[in-house]
Protein backbone atom coordinates (compact mmCIF):
# COMPACT_ATOMS: atom_id res chain seq x y z
CA MET A 1 -35.07 -25.63 3.80
CA LYS A 2 -35.73 -23.19 0.98
CA ASN A 3 -32.78 -21.44 -0.57
CA SER A 4 -33.29 -17.85 -1.84
CA PRO A 5 -30.65 -16.46 -4.30
CA SER A 6 -29.73 -12.80 -3.63
CA SER A 7 -30.30 -10.78 -6.73
CA ASP A 8 -28.04 -8.00 -5.18
CA SER A 9 -25.10 -10.25 -5.76
CA LEU A 10 -25.61 -10.82 -9.55
CA GLN A 11 -25.61 -7.23 -10.82
CA PRO A 12 -22.10 -6.18 -9.56
CA ARG A 13 -20.64 -9.39 -10.66
CA LEU A 14 -22.06 -9.19 -14.12
CA GLN A 15 -20.92 -5.51 -14.46
CA ALA A 16 -17.37 -6.56 -13.21
CA VAL A 17 -17.17 -9.20 -15.91
CA GLU A 18 -18.20 -6.70 -18.47
CA ALA A 19 -15.64 -4.17 -17.39
CA LEU A 20 -12.91 -6.88 -17.25
CA ALA A 21 -13.77 -8.13 -20.65
CA THR A 22 -13.53 -4.57 -22.03
CA ILE A 23 -10.01 -4.13 -20.49
CA ALA A 24 -9.08 -7.40 -21.99
CA HIS A 25 -9.70 -5.98 -25.39
CA GLY A 26 -7.57 -2.93 -24.71
CA GLN A 27 -10.41 -0.50 -24.00
CA TRP A 28 -11.38 1.71 -20.91
CA PRO A 29 -13.98 -0.06 -18.83
CA PRO A 30 -17.59 1.07 -19.11
CA HIS A 31 -18.08 0.91 -15.34
CA ASP A 32 -16.34 2.56 -12.28
CA LEU A 33 -14.22 -0.38 -10.91
CA LYS A 34 -13.93 1.36 -7.50
CA ALA A 35 -17.65 1.72 -7.18
CA LEU A 36 -18.00 -2.12 -8.29
CA ALA A 37 -15.58 -3.07 -5.68
CA VAL A 38 -17.58 -1.37 -2.95
CA ALA A 39 -20.69 -3.15 -4.18
CA VAL A 40 -18.90 -6.45 -4.18
CA ASP A 41 -17.81 -5.72 -0.58
CA VAL A 42 -21.38 -5.30 0.39
CA VAL A 43 -22.22 -8.46 -1.08
CA SER A 44 -19.56 -10.24 0.93
CA THR A 45 -21.02 -8.86 4.16
CA ALA A 46 -24.62 -10.26 3.27
CA VAL A 47 -24.21 -13.83 1.92
CA SER A 48 -24.76 -16.62 4.28
CA SER A 49 -21.75 -18.81 3.13
CA ALA A 50 -18.40 -18.00 4.83
CA ALA A 51 -16.59 -19.30 1.61
CA ALA A 52 -18.84 -17.06 -0.60
CA ALA A 53 -18.14 -14.17 1.61
CA THR A 54 -14.41 -14.74 1.57
CA ALA A 55 -14.45 -15.04 -2.43
CA TYR A 56 -16.50 -11.84 -2.86
CA ASN A 57 -14.26 -9.89 -0.53
CA ALA A 58 -11.18 -11.18 -2.40
CA PHE A 59 -12.65 -10.19 -5.61
CA GLY A 60 -13.47 -6.66 -4.49
CA GLY A 61 -9.80 -6.26 -3.64
CA ILE A 62 -8.82 -7.54 -7.09
CA LEU A 63 -11.06 -5.03 -8.85
CA ARG A 64 -9.27 -2.18 -6.99
CA ILE A 65 -5.96 -3.53 -8.20
CA VAL A 66 -7.19 -3.82 -11.84
CA ASP A 67 -8.48 -0.34 -11.57
CA MET A 68 -4.84 0.88 -10.98
CA LEU A 69 -3.59 -1.17 -13.76
CA ALA A 70 -6.15 0.38 -16.14
CA HIS A 71 -5.08 3.71 -15.16
CA TRP A 72 -1.43 2.78 -15.64
CA ARG A 73 -2.04 1.56 -19.05
CA ARG A 74 -3.81 4.62 -20.15
CA ALA A 75 -1.25 6.96 -18.47
CA VAL A 76 1.58 5.20 -20.36
CA LEU A 77 -0.08 5.37 -23.60
CA GLU A 78 -0.98 9.11 -23.19
CA ALA A 79 2.51 9.86 -21.96
CA GLU A 80 1.33 11.40 -18.59
CA PRO A 81 4.01 12.33 -16.06
CA ASP A 82 4.79 9.74 -13.39
CA ALA A 83 2.65 7.07 -14.92
CA ASP A 84 4.32 4.33 -12.89
CA ARG A 85 2.76 5.66 -9.71
CA TYR A 86 -0.39 3.50 -10.75
CA LEU A 87 1.81 0.49 -11.19
CA ARG A 88 3.51 0.96 -7.78
CA SER A 89 0.05 1.29 -6.17
CA ALA A 90 -1.19 -2.00 -7.87
CA ARG A 91 1.86 -3.81 -6.77
CA GLU A 92 1.60 -2.66 -3.22
CA ARG A 93 -2.21 -3.51 -3.13
CA TYR A 94 -1.41 -6.90 -4.54
CA ARG A 95 1.23 -7.67 -1.75
CA LEU A 96 -1.33 -6.69 0.93
CA TRP A 97 -4.10 -8.71 -0.86
CA LEU A 98 -1.69 -11.84 -0.86
CA ASN A 99 -1.18 -11.35 2.92
CA ASP A 100 -4.85 -11.79 3.47
CA TYR A 101 -5.65 -14.56 1.05
CA ASP A 102 -2.50 -16.50 0.27
CA GLN A 103 -3.78 -19.60 2.14
CA SER A 104 -7.50 -19.27 1.49
CA LYS A 105 -9.07 -22.22 -0.47
CA PRO A 106 -12.09 -20.17 -1.75
CA VAL A 107 -9.81 -17.71 -3.35
CA ALA A 108 -7.44 -20.29 -5.13
CA GLN A 109 -8.69 -19.53 -8.70
CA LEU A 110 -8.48 -15.88 -8.17
CA ARG A 111 -4.79 -16.23 -7.03
CA GLU A 112 -4.10 -18.20 -10.02
CA ALA A 113 -5.65 -15.70 -12.41
CA VAL A 114 -3.64 -12.84 -10.98
CA ALA A 115 -0.35 -14.57 -10.59
CA GLY A 116 1.03 -12.49 -13.50
CA LEU A 117 1.08 -9.50 -11.30
CA ALA A 118 4.23 -10.52 -9.64
CA ALA A 119 6.14 -10.30 -12.91
CA LEU A 120 4.19 -7.39 -14.60
CA GLU A 121 6.25 -5.21 -16.75
CA SER A 122 4.30 -4.38 -20.01
CA THR A 123 0.89 -2.77 -20.38
CA GLU A 124 0.12 -5.68 -22.74
CA GLN A 125 -0.05 -8.06 -19.61
CA VAL A 126 -2.88 -5.93 -18.14
CA ALA A 127 -5.22 -7.46 -20.83
CA ASP A 128 -4.08 -11.01 -19.91
CA ILE A 129 -4.77 -10.54 -16.34
CA ALA A 130 -8.31 -9.11 -17.09
CA ARG A 131 -9.00 -11.95 -19.42
CA ALA A 132 -8.03 -14.66 -16.90
CA LEU A 133 -10.30 -12.92 -14.26
CA THR A 134 -13.35 -13.04 -16.45
CA ALA A 135 -13.11 -16.91 -16.47
CA VAL A 136 -13.04 -17.30 -12.71
CA PRO A 137 -16.43 -18.49 -11.29
CA LEU A 138 -17.85 -16.80 -8.12
CA PRO A 139 -20.60 -18.42 -6.01
CA ILE A 140 -24.03 -17.09 -6.28
CA GLY A 141 -25.15 -15.12 -3.05
CA ILE A 142 -27.56 -17.28 -1.04
CA PHE A 143 -29.79 -16.58 1.81
CA ALA A 144 -31.04 -19.75 3.49
CA GLN A 145 -34.35 -19.49 5.21
CA PRO A 146 -36.27 -22.45 6.67
CA VAL A 147 -39.88 -22.76 5.50
CA LYS A 148 -41.92 -25.49 7.39
CA PRO A 149 -45.56 -26.53 7.16
CA ASP A 150 -47.85 -25.62 9.97
CA TRP A 151 -48.43 -29.21 11.17
CA THR A 152 -44.79 -29.43 12.21
CA ALA A 153 -45.06 -26.65 14.75
CA GLU A 154 -46.47 -29.03 17.59
CA ALA A 155 -43.72 -31.53 16.99
CA ASP A 156 -41.07 -28.94 17.12
CA GLN A 157 -42.19 -27.84 20.54
CA THR A 158 -41.63 -31.30 22.02
CA ARG A 159 -38.05 -31.45 20.82
CA PRO A 160 -35.06 -29.62 22.33
CA LYS A 161 -34.09 -26.78 20.04
CA GLU A 162 -30.64 -27.36 18.54
CA GLU A 163 -29.14 -24.77 16.27
CA PRO A 164 -27.47 -26.22 13.09
CA LEU A 165 -23.72 -25.35 12.85
CA VAL A 166 -23.95 -23.25 9.71
CA ASP A 167 -21.20 -20.78 8.90
CA LEU A 168 -21.53 -17.35 10.17
CA THR A 169 -19.62 -14.20 9.02
CA VAL A 170 -18.14 -11.29 11.03
CA ALA A 171 -17.37 -8.48 8.51
CA PHE A 172 -15.12 -5.50 9.48
CA LEU A 173 -16.68 -2.60 7.59
CA LYS A 174 -14.93 0.44 8.86
CA PHE A 175 -12.27 1.75 11.28
CA GLN A 176 -12.03 5.49 12.18
CA PHE A 177 -9.47 7.31 14.07
CA ASP A 178 -10.61 10.74 15.62
CA GLY A 179 -13.59 10.71 13.01
CA LEU A 180 -11.40 9.99 10.05
CA PRO A 181 -11.31 6.80 8.03
CA ALA A 182 -8.05 4.69 8.76
CA ALA A 183 -5.58 5.13 6.01
CA GLU A 184 -3.56 2.40 4.65
CA VAL A 185 -0.72 3.57 6.97
CA HIS A 186 -2.29 5.86 9.50
CA GLN A 187 -0.39 8.65 11.26
CA LEU A 188 -1.15 8.67 14.93
CA ALA A 189 0.69 10.85 17.46
CA ALA A 190 2.19 8.87 20.29
CA ARG A 191 1.58 9.56 23.94
CA GLU A 192 -1.95 11.02 23.08
CA VAL A 193 -5.32 9.40 23.54
CA HIS A 194 -7.28 8.95 20.32
CA ASP A 195 -10.93 7.96 19.43
CA LEU A 196 -11.12 4.62 17.75
CA GLU A 197 -14.46 3.73 16.20
CA ILE A 198 -15.28 0.35 14.60
CA GLU A 199 -18.23 -0.94 12.52
CA VAL A 200 -18.95 -4.57 11.96
CA ARG A 201 -21.73 -6.70 10.41
CA VAL A 202 -22.67 -10.11 11.67
CA SER A 203 -24.61 -12.31 9.29
CA ARG A 204 -26.10 -14.38 12.12
CA TRP A 205 -26.02 -14.58 15.84
CA PRO A 206 -25.79 -18.01 17.48
CA GLN A 207 -28.59 -18.76 19.85
CA ASP A 208 -26.36 -19.79 22.72
CA LYS A 209 -24.04 -16.84 22.53
CA ARG A 210 -24.54 -13.69 24.57
CA GLU A 211 -21.56 -11.53 23.43
CA LEU A 212 -19.38 -10.82 20.48
CA ARG A 213 -15.82 -9.87 21.40
CA LEU A 214 -13.25 -8.12 19.14
CA THR A 215 -9.66 -8.19 20.48
CA PRO A 216 -6.59 -6.52 19.09
CA ILE A 217 -3.53 -8.75 18.62
CA SER A 218 -0.01 -7.64 17.61
CA VAL A 219 3.63 -8.70 17.67
CA GLU A 220 4.43 -5.35 19.28
CA PRO A 221 5.23 -5.49 23.11
CA LYS A 222 2.15 -4.77 25.13
CA SER A 223 4.01 -1.98 26.84
CA THR A 224 4.07 0.06 23.62
CA TYR A 225 0.33 0.39 22.97
CA ASP A 226 -3.09 0.33 24.48
CA PHE A 227 -5.93 -0.50 22.02
CA PRO A 228 -9.49 -1.17 23.16
CA CYS A 229 -11.33 -4.39 23.16
CA PHE A 230 -14.91 -4.10 21.81
CA GLN A 231 -17.76 -6.11 23.35
CA PHE A 232 -21.20 -6.24 21.67
CA GLN A 233 -24.25 -7.85 23.54
CA ARG A 234 -26.71 -9.86 21.58
CA PRO A 235 -28.96 -7.40 19.61
CA ASP A 236 -32.71 -7.52 19.25
CA GLY A 237 -34.26 -7.99 15.88
CA ASP A 238 -33.39 -10.20 12.84
CA ALA A 239 -29.97 -10.78 11.14
CA PRO A 240 -27.91 -9.39 9.54
CA PHE A 241 -26.91 -7.04 12.45
CA THR A 242 -24.59 -3.91 11.77
CA MET A 243 -23.04 -2.48 14.97
CA ARG A 244 -20.85 0.34 15.77
CA GLN A 245 -18.79 1.16 18.93
CA SER A 246 -16.11 3.74 20.09
CA GLY A 247 -13.09 3.27 22.34
CA ARG A 248 -9.90 5.02 23.29
CA ALA A 249 -6.69 4.03 21.60
CA ALA A 250 -2.98 5.16 22.46
CA LEU A 251 0.52 4.43 21.31
CA LEU A 252 2.43 4.63 24.68
CA LEU A 253 5.81 5.02 22.90
CA PRO A 254 6.84 6.75 19.60
CA GLN A 255 8.76 4.53 17.03
CA GLY A 256 12.07 5.35 15.59
CA MET A 257 12.24 7.08 12.28
CA LEU A 258 13.61 4.10 10.47
CA ALA A 259 11.41 1.57 12.26
CA ARG A 260 8.38 -0.18 10.62
CA PRO A 261 4.99 0.98 11.58
CA PHE A 262 2.93 -0.67 14.27
CA GLU A 263 0.60 -3.40 13.05
CA PHE A 264 -2.58 -4.67 14.72
CA LYS A 265 -5.21 -7.12 13.71
CA TYR A 266 -8.67 -7.52 15.39
CA THR A 267 -10.02 -11.05 16.09
CA ALA A 268 -13.57 -12.01 16.57
CA GLU A 269 -15.07 -14.61 18.88
CA PHE A 270 -18.47 -15.33 20.49
CA ILE A 271 -18.78 -15.86 24.19
CA PRO A 272 -19.13 -18.35 25.64
CA GLU A 273 -16.86 -20.07 23.34
CA ARG A 274 -17.70 -23.32 21.56
CA GLY A 275 -15.00 -24.98 19.53
CA ASP A 276 -17.29 -26.53 16.82
CA GLN A 277 -18.94 -23.21 15.68
CA PRO A 278 -17.36 -21.99 12.35
CA VAL A 279 -16.81 -18.25 12.35
CA ALA A 280 -15.39 -16.59 9.26
CA VAL A 281 -14.00 -13.12 9.56
CA VAL A 282 -13.87 -10.94 6.34
CA GLY A 283 -12.96 -7.30 5.47
CA HIS A 284 -9.88 -5.24 6.30
CA ARG A 285 -9.34 -5.69 9.96
CA THR A 286 -5.67 -4.91 10.03
CA LEU A 287 -4.54 -1.51 11.22
CA ILE A 288 -1.08 -0.27 10.32
CA VAL A 289 -0.16 2.80 12.50
CA ASP A 290 2.86 5.06 12.22
CA GLY A 291 3.64 6.69 15.58
CA ALA A 292 6.98 8.47 14.64
CA ASP A 293 7.57 11.76 16.36
CA ALA A 294 6.83 14.48 13.68
CA SER A 295 9.14 16.84 15.46
CA LYS A 296 11.98 14.62 14.26
CA LEU A 297 11.26 14.99 10.66
CA GLN A 298 13.67 17.79 10.14
CA VAL A 299 16.26 15.84 8.45
CA CYS A 300 17.46 18.04 5.65
CA GLY A 301 16.13 21.52 6.68
CA TYR A 302 13.61 22.05 3.90
CA PRO A 303 10.05 21.09 4.79
CA GLY A 304 8.93 20.11 1.35
CA LEU A 305 11.91 17.68 1.00
CA ASP A 306 11.45 16.49 4.51
CA HIS A 307 7.81 15.49 3.79
CA ALA A 308 8.79 13.77 0.49
CA LEU A 309 11.62 11.98 2.29
CA TYR A 310 9.15 10.79 4.96
CA THR A 311 6.85 9.44 2.27
CA LEU A 312 9.69 7.75 0.50
CA ARG A 313 10.74 6.19 3.81
CA ASP A 314 7.22 4.53 4.10
CA THR A 315 7.67 3.01 0.64
CA LEU A 316 11.31 1.68 1.29
CA ARG A 317 10.67 0.10 4.70
CA ARG A 318 7.51 -1.79 3.42
CA ARG A 319 9.64 -3.96 1.15
CA PRO A 320 9.80 -7.55 2.11
CA GLY A 321 13.23 -9.17 2.76
CA VAL A 322 15.18 -5.98 2.69
CA PRO A 323 17.72 -5.40 5.66
CA GLN A 324 16.72 -2.37 7.73
CA SER A 325 20.28 -1.26 7.68
CA GLU A 326 20.20 -0.93 3.85
CA THR A 327 17.00 1.31 4.15
CA ALA A 328 18.82 3.37 6.85
CA ASP A 329 21.88 3.87 4.62
CA ALA A 330 19.72 5.03 1.70
CA LEU A 331 17.83 7.57 3.89
CA LEU A 332 21.11 8.76 5.41
CA VAL A 333 22.58 9.68 1.84
CA LEU A 334 19.27 11.04 0.70
CA ALA A 335 19.12 13.42 3.69
CA ALA A 336 22.57 14.95 2.63
CA LEU A 337 21.71 15.10 -1.01
CA CYS A 338 18.30 16.62 -0.40
CA SER A 339 19.89 19.37 1.82
CA LEU A 340 22.17 19.98 -1.21
CA ALA A 341 19.08 20.15 -3.66
CA GLY A 342 17.34 22.64 -1.34
CA ARG A 343 20.45 24.87 -1.11
CA ALA A 344 20.86 24.55 -4.88
CA VAL A 345 17.61 26.42 -5.39
CA GLN A 346 17.76 28.72 -2.39
CA ASP A 347 21.40 29.95 -2.91
CA ALA A 348 21.92 29.07 -6.70
CA GLU A 349 25.07 26.93 -5.77
CA PHE A 350 25.56 25.43 -9.18
CA LYS A 351 26.17 28.27 -11.49
CA GLY A 352 26.96 27.76 -15.01
CA ARG A 353 27.68 24.39 -16.77
CA TRP A 354 29.02 21.55 -14.70
CA ASP A 355 30.69 18.31 -15.86
CA GLU A 356 30.28 14.94 -14.18
CA ALA A 357 33.75 14.81 -12.70
CA THR A 358 33.41 18.17 -11.06
CA PHE A 359 30.00 17.25 -9.68
CA GLN A 360 31.26 14.01 -8.31
CA ARG A 361 34.15 15.77 -6.38
CA TYR A 362 31.57 18.17 -5.00
CA VAL A 363 29.14 15.52 -3.92
CA ARG A 364 31.90 13.36 -2.29
CA ALA A 365 33.04 16.30 -0.31
CA GLU A 366 29.48 17.06 0.73
CA LEU A 367 28.79 13.49 1.92
CA ARG A 368 32.07 13.13 3.70
CA ARG A 369 31.07 16.10 5.94
CA TYR A 370 28.34 13.94 7.51
CA PRO A 371 29.78 12.11 10.56
CA LEU A 372 27.62 8.94 10.04
CA ILE A 373 29.11 8.56 6.48
CA GLY A 374 32.71 9.90 6.60
CA ALA A 375 35.16 7.14 5.93
CA ASP A 376 32.46 4.47 4.90
CA LEU A 377 31.96 6.32 1.64
CA ASP A 378 33.81 4.64 -1.18
CA GLU A 379 34.76 6.24 -4.59
CA HIS A 380 35.29 4.34 -7.85
CA ALA A 381 34.47 0.88 -6.51
CA HIS A 382 34.34 -1.86 -9.21
CA ALA A 383 30.96 -3.70 -9.78
CA ALA A 384 29.39 -5.55 -12.61
CA GLY A 385 32.39 -4.97 -14.78
CA GLY A 386 32.11 -1.19 -14.38
CA ILE A 387 33.14 1.45 -11.86
CA THR A 388 30.60 3.06 -9.57
CA ASP A 389 30.92 6.77 -8.87
CA LEU A 390 30.31 6.61 -5.13
CA SER A 391 29.00 3.89 -2.75
CA LEU A 392 28.08 3.65 1.01
CA ARG A 393 28.68 0.28 2.42
CA GLY A 394 28.15 -1.31 -0.92
CA MET A 395 25.07 0.63 -1.82
CA PRO A 396 25.74 2.36 -5.17
CA ILE A 397 25.37 6.23 -5.59
CA GLU A 398 25.32 6.98 -9.34
CA LEU A 399 25.96 10.55 -10.33
CA LYS A 400 25.10 12.31 -13.59
CA ALA A 401 25.54 15.80 -14.80
CA ILE A 402 23.63 16.84 -18.12
CA ASP A 403 22.85 20.11 -19.86
CA THR A 404 19.16 19.02 -20.70
CA LEU A 405 16.27 20.57 -18.79
CA ILE A 406 14.71 18.06 -16.54
CA SER A 407 11.12 18.74 -15.22
CA SER A 408 10.23 15.37 -14.17
CA VAL A 409 11.96 12.29 -12.70
CA ASP A 410 10.64 10.12 -15.52
CA GLN A 411 13.23 11.88 -17.88
CA CYS A 412 16.05 10.03 -15.87
CA ALA A 413 14.77 6.61 -17.12
CA SER A 414 17.74 6.19 -19.46
CA PHE A 415 20.09 6.01 -16.41
CA LEU A 416 18.07 3.46 -14.31
CA ALA A 417 19.51 0.32 -15.92
CA GLN A 418 23.12 1.25 -15.35
CA THR A 419 22.38 2.04 -11.67
CA ALA A 420 20.47 -1.15 -11.29
CA SER A 421 23.34 -3.20 -12.58
CA TYR A 422 25.68 -1.88 -9.93
CA ALA A 423 23.21 -2.65 -7.18
CA VAL A 424 22.66 -6.22 -8.41
CA ALA A 425 26.43 -6.79 -8.46
CA LYS A 426 26.65 -5.70 -4.86
CA SER A 427 23.58 -7.84 -3.77
CA LYS A 428 21.73 -4.68 -2.89
CA ARG A 429 17.98 -4.00 -3.28
CA THR A 430 18.48 -0.25 -3.08
CA ALA A 431 20.53 2.29 -5.10
CA ILE A 432 20.59 6.15 -5.51
CA LEU A 433 20.63 8.15 -8.64
CA CYS A 434 21.36 11.80 -8.33
CA VAL A 435 21.32 13.87 -11.51
CA LEU A 436 22.47 17.59 -11.79
CA ASP A 437 20.63 19.52 -14.36
CA SER A 438 22.98 22.27 -15.43
CA SER A 439 21.07 23.43 -18.56
CA GLU A 440 20.43 27.23 -18.96
CA LYS A 441 17.19 28.03 -17.23
CA LYS A 442 14.63 30.45 -18.69
CA THR A 443 11.91 29.71 -16.32
CA ALA A 444 11.53 29.57 -12.44
CA ALA A 445 12.95 26.57 -10.61
CA VAL A 446 10.70 23.69 -9.95
CA PRO A 447 9.95 22.93 -6.23
CA PRO A 448 12.86 20.59 -5.24
CA GLU A 449 10.64 17.90 -3.60
CA ALA A 450 8.86 17.37 -7.04
CA LEU A 451 12.21 16.00 -8.35
CA LEU A 452 12.54 13.26 -5.72
CA ASP A 453 10.86 9.81 -6.13
CA ILE A 454 11.39 6.01 -6.50
CA ARG A 455 11.64 3.91 -9.58
CA THR A 456 11.83 0.17 -9.66
CA GLN A 457 13.85 -2.30 -11.78
CA ALA A 458 14.06 -6.14 -12.10
CA GLN A 459 10.26 -6.68 -11.79
CA GLY A 460 9.90 -4.35 -8.81
CA ALA A 461 12.67 -6.16 -6.77
CA LEU A 462 15.08 -3.27 -6.97
CA SER A 463 14.32 0.30 -5.74
CA ILE A 464 16.32 3.29 -7.13
CA CYS A 465 15.80 6.60 -5.34
CA VAL A 466 15.98 9.32 -8.04
CA LEU A 467 16.93 12.97 -7.11
CA VAL A 468 17.35 15.76 -9.58
CA ILE A 469 19.39 18.88 -8.46
CA GLN A 470 18.68 22.03 -10.36
CA GLY A 471 21.73 24.07 -11.45
CA ASN A 472 22.40 27.13 -13.68
CA LEU A 473 19.45 28.74 -12.42
CA ALA A 474 18.13 32.12 -14.01
CA ARG A 475 18.28 35.26 -11.90
CA PRO A 476 14.76 36.11 -10.82
CA SER A 477 15.17 39.62 -12.16
CA VAL A 478 15.92 38.27 -15.63
CA LEU A 479 12.55 36.35 -15.70
CA SER A 480 10.51 39.61 -15.43
CA ARG A 481 11.88 41.12 -18.54
């Protein structure tokens, strides 16, 4: 047996170490981390060892996370608007990465190196994570090919051929719905048939196997979906094999607006089955599909705000350990407040300067008009040694009225800690901060959906939904003078 190292696996790894070392010194990396992650993914599908394939696949995911962290550090230092969007992306990618590799032995050192992501708060910690990753060894990509002398050919013919039980890898390369790459959370209309295309790469095909079968599994009831099984017959030629196939997929029922998306995972098995043949499955084989009825998205009457609420809903319901009822309460209050924010721009409802007490009375009356809120809305409830403005079933609704121009949600950062303290005191993971900007306007209003977003506190454990309502708007005719 003569082992042949793959030179293709060395270059991406060396460039990745160089980029990480540069980040560890507080500088911008000399290589595109996203491109390096793709190159590392290619290596993971080509190496012969299942452990090596898993390690490279996990490392590619880490490079994508570090890329978000590098962008976050630069955006913070350059005072870019909404710099925290990169941090939120990195945390969500890290959560998904842990779901795939939390129990994987080949990835143990990588998990240890990036453990600081769970408590990331300062841009200085980005360098520490990058420095730790540079010290993690990865296996060298190896292709193993038998080379035997000619005199052994006759002896081999007299022996029954037995295939050694070496690891083989099935790598999921690509999913596409209706010709488009599958998104992290893919929107798919229910009660319609869609094309689902899959692309896989097999490092080696066992001699006694005639078929590779890919089967969808899910915790969802079978009556709610119909996803295809893919069957590949043994191909001709030499390994590795790259195969593609299309099928039809359908969600038989739409999900509720507050329900979590459908989740499917494809498994791989060779037929006929043999229990002692190790098979490693790598790549992103999980599909997260949202089948909510788009016609029901009209929750506040303003399309831009409805779309922003829909995106915010996806973020809130992906949080682990948060009761679904708490997320539903937050969306219920936000629907009412977003309707108010839309009318504030359309009808200039908040004319002149407003103080906080007057604004609170106005919002209280507005929320009580909603039948699903009504008597459950509390005012001046005590929490954390202070008094909350409003609360719905314990979830705090903090109100502010200021006379300073607000053009970005980031300008409300000084109010987050107070709102978070009320939520923690009530054992809630969600809070709402609504700020009325009653400063005198000399320019046109900002689209109201641009002033709705989520900010996190307590190391990402607490989500604060921030909405800015624009008041004291200038008359359009005045702006043309």
